[in-house]
C-alpha atoms as a PDB file:
ATOM      1  CA  UNK A   1      52.073 -15.575  20.938  1.00  0.00           C
ATOM      2  CA  UNK A   2      49.458 -13.876  24.020  1.00  0.00           C
ATOM      3  CA  UNK A   3      48.656 -10.685  21.087  1.00  0.00           C
ATOM      4  CA  UNK A   4      47.731 -13.243  18.632  1.00  0.00           C
ATOM      5  CA  UNK A   5      44.909 -14.692  20.466  1.00  0.00           C
ATOM      6  CA  UNK A   6      43.797 -11.753  21.979  1.00  0.00           C
ATOM      7  CA  UNK A   7      43.128 -10.264  18.449  1.00  0.00           C
ATOM      8  CA  UNK A   8      41.211 -13.517  17.396  1.00  0.00           C
ATOM      9  CA  UNK A   9      39.694 -13.230  20.785  1.00  0.00           C
ATOM     10  CA  UNK A  10      38.249  -9.814  19.736  1.00  0.00           C
ATOM     11  CA  UNK A  11      37.466 -10.684  16.405  1.00  0.00           C
ATOM     12  CA  UNK A  12      35.515 -14.002  18.031  1.00  0.00           C
ATOM     13  CA  UNK A  13      33.549 -11.184  20.376  1.00  0.00           C
ATOM     14  CA  UNK A  14      32.867  -8.810  17.885  1.00  0.00           C
ATOM     15  CA  UNK A  15      31.270 -11.830  15.306  1.00  0.00           C
ATOM     16  CA  UNK A  16      28.413 -13.021  17.696  1.00  0.00           C
ATOM     17  CA  UNK A  17      28.222  -9.199  18.530  1.00  0.00           C
ATOM     18  CA  UNK A  18      26.945  -8.790  14.375  1.00  0.00           C
ATOM     19  CA  UNK A  19      25.055 -11.565  14.524  1.00  0.00           C
ATOM     20  CA  UNK A  20      23.230 -10.528  17.583  1.00  0.00           C
ATOM     21  CA  UNK A  21      22.604  -7.111  16.101  1.00  0.00           C
ATOM     22  CA  UNK A  22      21.816  -8.589  13.063  1.00  0.00           C
ATOM     23  CA  UNK A  23      19.233 -10.739  14.426  1.00  0.00           C
ATOM     24  CA  UNK A  24      17.281  -7.855  16.875  1.00  0.00           C
ATOM     25  CA  UNK A  25      17.150  -5.980  13.679  1.00  0.00           C
ATOM     26  CA  UNK A  26      15.910  -8.837  12.612  1.00  0.00           C
ATOM     27  CA  UNK A  27      12.915  -8.619  14.893  1.00  0.00           C
ATOM     28  CA  UNK A  28      11.928  -5.301  14.929  1.00  0.00           C
ATOM     29  CA  UNK A  29      11.639  -5.346  11.239  1.00  0.00           C
ATOM     30  CA  UNK A  30       8.518  -8.465  12.176  1.00  0.00           C
ATOM     31  CA  UNK A  31       7.058  -6.424  14.644  1.00  0.00           C
ATOM     32  CA  UNK A  32       6.872  -3.153  12.549  1.00  0.00           C
ATOM     33  CA  UNK A  33       3.440  -3.153  11.037  1.00  0.00           C
ATOM     34  CA  UNK A  34       3.031  -1.871   7.098  1.00  0.00           C
ATOM     35  CA  UNK A  35       3.248   2.100   6.812  1.00  0.00           C
ATOM     36  CA  UNK A  36      -0.240   3.240   6.822  1.00  0.00           C
ATOM     37  CA  UNK A  37      -1.166   5.769   4.661  1.00  0.00           C
ATOM     38  CA  UNK A  38      -3.259   9.393   5.499  1.00  0.00           C
ATOM     39  CA  UNK A  39      -6.589   8.358   5.738  1.00  0.00           C
ATOM     40  CA  UNK A  40      -9.075  11.217   7.459  1.00  0.00           C
ATOM     41  CA  UNK A  41     -12.305  10.573   7.547  1.00  0.00           C
ATOM     42  CA  UNK A  42     -14.335  13.106   6.121  1.00  0.00           C
ATOM     43  CA  UNK A  43     -12.597  13.218   2.702  1.00  0.00           C
ATOM     44  CA  UNK A  44     -13.255  10.067  -0.118  1.00  0.00           C
ATOM     45  CA  UNK A  45     -16.133   8.026  -0.224  1.00  0.00           C
ATOM     46  CA  UNK A  46     -17.189   6.479   3.355  1.00  0.00           C
ATOM     47  CA  UNK A  47     -15.464   3.084   3.958  1.00  0.00           C
ATOM     48  CA  UNK A  48     -18.227   0.259   3.905  1.00  0.00           C
ATOM     49  CA  UNK A  49     -20.348   2.361   1.169  1.00  0.00           C
ATOM     50  CA  UNK A  50     -20.449   1.143  -2.301  1.00  0.00           C
ATOM     51  CA  UNK A  51     -19.058   2.375  -4.973  1.00  0.00           C
ATOM     52  CA  UNK A  52     -19.387   2.228  -8.733  1.00  0.00           C
ATOM     53  CA  UNK A  53     -16.356   2.878 -10.977  1.00  0.00           C
ATOM     54  CA  UNK A  54     -15.536   2.345 -14.593  1.00  0.00           C
ATOM     55  CA  UNK A  55     -13.817  -0.181 -15.083  1.00  0.00           C
ATOM     56  CA  UNK A  56     -10.582  -0.538 -16.305  1.00  0.00           C
ATOM     57  CA  UNK A  57     -10.141  -2.575 -19.633  1.00  0.00           C
ATOM     58  CA  UNK A  58      -8.034  -6.146 -19.375  1.00  0.00           C
ATOM     59  CA  UNK A  59      -7.880  -5.410 -15.710  1.00  0.00           C
ATOM     60  CA  UNK A  60     -10.030  -8.216 -13.608  1.00  0.00           C
ATOM     61  CA  UNK A  61      -9.360  -9.908 -10.573  1.00  0.00           C
ATOM     62  CA  UNK A  62     -12.256 -11.875  -9.993  1.00  0.00           C
ATOM     63  CA  UNK A  63     -13.561 -11.753  -6.921  1.00  0.00           C
ATOM     64  CA  UNK A  64     -10.147  -9.964  -5.722  1.00  0.00           C
ATOM     65  CA  UNK A  65      -9.623  -6.547  -4.777  1.00  0.00           C
ATOM     66  CA  UNK A  66      -9.757  -3.418  -7.073  1.00  0.00           C
ATOM     67  CA  UNK A  67      -7.547  -0.611  -6.265  1.00  0.00           C
ATOM     68  CA  UNK A  68      -7.971   3.126  -7.291  1.00  0.00           C
ATOM     69  CA  UNK A  69      -5.070   4.671  -8.068  1.00  0.00           C
ATOM     70  CA  UNK A  70      -6.466   9.202  -8.416  1.00  0.00           C
ATOM     71  CA  UNK A  71      -3.429  10.848 -10.054  1.00  0.00           C
ATOM     72  CA  UNK A  72      -2.770  14.349 -12.053  1.00  0.00           C
ATOM     73  CA  UNK A  73      -0.833  14.167 -14.503  1.00  0.00           C
ATOM     74  CA  UNK A  74       0.805  17.681 -12.982  1.00  0.00           C
ATOM     75  CA  UNK A  75       2.247  15.764 -10.038  1.00  0.00           C
ATOM     76  CA  UNK A  76       5.756  15.010  -9.524  1.00  0.00           C
ATOM     77  CA  UNK A  77       4.966  12.785  -6.932  1.00  0.00           C
ATOM     78  CA  UNK A  78       2.034  10.970  -9.239  1.00  0.00           C
ATOM     79  CA  UNK A  79       4.611  10.518 -11.371  1.00  0.00           C
ATOM     80  CA  UNK A  80       7.473   9.428  -9.614  1.00  0.00           C
ATOM     81  CA  UNK A  81       5.241   6.779  -8.651  1.00  0.00           C
ATOM     82  CA  UNK A  82       4.426   4.849 -11.118  1.00  0.00           C
ATOM     83  CA  UNK A  83       6.665   2.106 -11.055  1.00  0.00           C
ATOM     84  CA  UNK A  84       5.259   1.389  -8.006  1.00  0.00           C
ATOM     85  CA  UNK A  85       1.566   1.412  -9.022  1.00  0.00           C
ATOM     86  CA  UNK A  86       2.648  -0.823 -12.263  1.00  0.00           C
ATOM     87  CA  UNK A  87       4.348  -3.136 -10.328  1.00  0.00           C
ATOM     88  CA  UNK A  88       0.678  -3.261  -7.828  1.00  0.00           C
ATOM     89  CA  UNK A  89      -1.092  -3.863 -11.606  1.00  0.00           C
ATOM     90  CA  UNK A  90       0.979  -7.193 -12.250  1.00  0.00           C
ATOM     91  CA  UNK A  91      -0.384  -8.490  -8.859  1.00  0.00           C
ATOM     92  CA  UNK A  92      -3.301 -11.337 -10.627  1.00  0.00           C
ATOM     93  CA  UNK A  93      -5.552 -10.727  -7.552  1.00  0.00           C
ATOM     94  CA  UNK A  94      -5.423  -7.339  -7.524  1.00  0.00           C
ATOM     95  CA  UNK A  95      -7.157  -5.303 -10.561  1.00  0.00           C
ATOM     96  CA  UNK A  96      -5.559  -1.538 -11.017  1.00  0.00           C
ATOM     97  CA  UNK A  97      -7.660   1.502 -11.680  1.00  0.00           C
ATOM     98  CA  UNK A  98      -6.188   4.348 -12.615  1.00  0.00           C
ATOM     99  CA  UNK A  99      -8.613   7.710 -12.423  1.00  0.00           C
ATOM    100  CA  UNK A 100      -7.291  11.136 -14.337  1.00  0.00           C
ATOM    101  CA  UNK A 101      -7.928  14.279 -12.257  1.00  0.00           C
ATOM    102  CA  UNK A 102      -8.702  15.826 -16.009  1.00  0.00           C
ATOM    103  CA  UNK A 103     -10.136  12.793 -18.077  1.00  0.00           C
ATOM    104  CA  UNK A 104     -12.027  11.304 -15.436  1.00  0.00           C
ATOM    105  CA  UNK A 105     -12.830  15.311 -12.772  1.00  0.00           C
ATOM    106  CA  UNK A 106     -16.522  12.897 -12.334  1.00  0.00           C
ATOM    107  CA  UNK A 107     -15.594  10.664 -10.921  1.00  0.00           C
ATOM    108  CA  UNK A 108     -12.685  12.142  -8.241  1.00  0.00           C
ATOM    109  CA  UNK A 109     -16.136  14.493  -8.328  1.00  0.00           C
ATOM    110  CA  UNK A 110     -18.243  11.665  -7.394  1.00  0.00           C
ATOM    111  CA  UNK A 111     -16.145  10.322  -4.802  1.00  0.00           C
ATOM    112  CA  UNK A 112     -15.206  13.386  -3.083  1.00  0.00           C
ATOM    113  CA  UNK A 113     -11.203  12.966  -4.073  1.00  0.00           C
ATOM    114  CA  UNK A 114      -9.159  15.185  -1.715  1.00  0.00           C
ATOM    115  CA  UNK A 115      -6.157  15.263  -4.121  1.00  0.00           C
ATOM    116  CA  UNK A 116      -3.520  13.081  -5.589  1.00  0.00           C
ATOM    117  CA  UNK A 117      -2.441  10.369  -4.920  1.00  0.00           C
ATOM    118  CA  UNK A 118      -5.016   8.720  -4.028  1.00  0.00           C
ATOM    119  CA  UNK A 119      -6.072   5.557  -3.480  1.00  0.00           C
ATOM    120  CA  UNK A 120      -9.683   3.803  -3.441  1.00  0.00           C
ATOM    121  CA  UNK A 121      -9.482   0.182  -2.722  1.00  0.00           C
ATOM    122  CA  UNK A 122     -12.443  -2.089  -3.237  1.00  0.00           C
ATOM    123  CA  UNK A 123     -13.562  -5.287  -2.291  1.00  0.00           C
ATOM    124  CA  UNK A 124     -15.915  -7.511  -5.620  1.00  0.00           C
ATOM    125  CA  UNK A 125     -18.562  -6.283  -4.488  1.00  0.00           C
ATOM    126  CA  UNK A 126     -17.687  -3.016  -4.573  1.00  0.00           C
ATOM    127  CA  UNK A 127     -17.600  -2.090  -1.039  1.00  0.00           C
ATOM    128  CA  UNK A 128     -14.922   0.791  -0.201  1.00  0.00           C
ATOM    129  CA  UNK A 129     -13.172  -1.318   2.755  1.00  0.00           C
ATOM    130  CA  UNK A 130      -9.970   0.997   2.198  1.00  0.00           C
ATOM    131  CA  UNK A 131      -8.061   4.531   1.252  1.00  0.00           C
ATOM    132  CA  UNK A 132      -6.360   7.130   1.495  1.00  0.00           C
ATOM    133  CA  UNK A 133      -3.649   9.864  -0.176  1.00  0.00           C
ATOM    134  CA  UNK A 134      -0.010   7.983  -0.158  1.00  0.00           C
ATOM    135  CA  UNK A 135       3.625   8.734  -0.866  1.00  0.00           C
ATOM    136  CA  UNK A 136       5.228   5.309  -0.808  1.00  0.00           C
ATOM    137  CA  UNK A 137       4.603   1.602  -2.285  1.00  0.00           C
ATOM    138  CA  UNK A 138       5.005   0.572   2.086  1.00  0.00           C
ATOM    139  CA  UNK A 139       1.856   2.747   2.162  1.00  0.00           C
ATOM    140  CA  UNK A 140      -0.243   1.961  -1.403  1.00  0.00           C
ATOM    141  CA  UNK A 141       0.637  -1.856   0.208  1.00  0.00           C
ATOM    142  CA  UNK A 142      -0.546  -1.175   3.237  1.00  0.00           C
ATOM    143  CA  UNK A 143      -3.778   0.477   2.124  1.00  0.00           C
ATOM    144  CA  UNK A 144      -4.904  -3.024   0.190  1.00  0.00           C
ATOM    145  CA  UNK A 145      -3.367  -5.035   3.900  1.00  0.00           C
ATOM    146  CA  UNK A 146      -6.690  -2.627   5.296  1.00  0.00           C
ATOM    147  CA  UNK A 147      -8.831  -3.662   2.705  1.00  0.00           C
ATOM    148  CA  UNK A 148      -8.292  -7.323   3.278  1.00  0.00           C
ATOM    149  CA  UNK A 149      -8.519  -6.737   6.449  1.00  0.00           C
ATOM    150  CA  UNK A 150     -11.698  -5.399   6.759  1.00  0.00           C
ATOM    151  CA  UNK A 151     -13.205  -7.932   3.629  1.00  0.00           C
ATOM    152  CA  UNK A 152     -12.744 -10.249   5.954  1.00  0.00           C
ATOM    153  CA  UNK A 153     -14.800  -8.757   8.765  1.00  0.00           C
ATOM    154  CA  UNK A 154     -17.272  -7.593   7.188  1.00  0.00           C
ATOM    155  CA  UNK A 155     -17.612 -11.492   5.854  1.00  0.00           C
ATOM    156  CA  UNK A 156     -17.308 -12.760   9.480  1.00  0.00           C
ATOM    157  CA  UNK A 157     -19.667  -9.801  11.019  1.00  0.00           C
END
């Protein structure tokens, strides 16, 4: 009988410990920032500059952000990130325009794109609000979050 009570007490203590650890993991995840893309100031168009990119047919976000994605057909990582880009394309507040290294070489040169995969986030007026090399959903999401924050700061400045 005492052995059964001791076993039950151990199970209760372990359950409480697991719940406490789960709570701590949740708190830590909330404190983590979005993943940052690699943004080198000298690469790509300067932040705050106004650029013009060809519109992507069927994709417009009235007053929202435009996400210009620069990818290469020969880039395995770019191909692996196609579902990530497709997820952002479904967002009604974000217009996604994609530019291939060969077919759109003039756009790549004009914006000084260093390589692929690379993203430039523009506000509704065509000002560069964020940019960088990305290799995950989180990093692309970080570019958009930075662009939103910078766009709001620009309005209030």
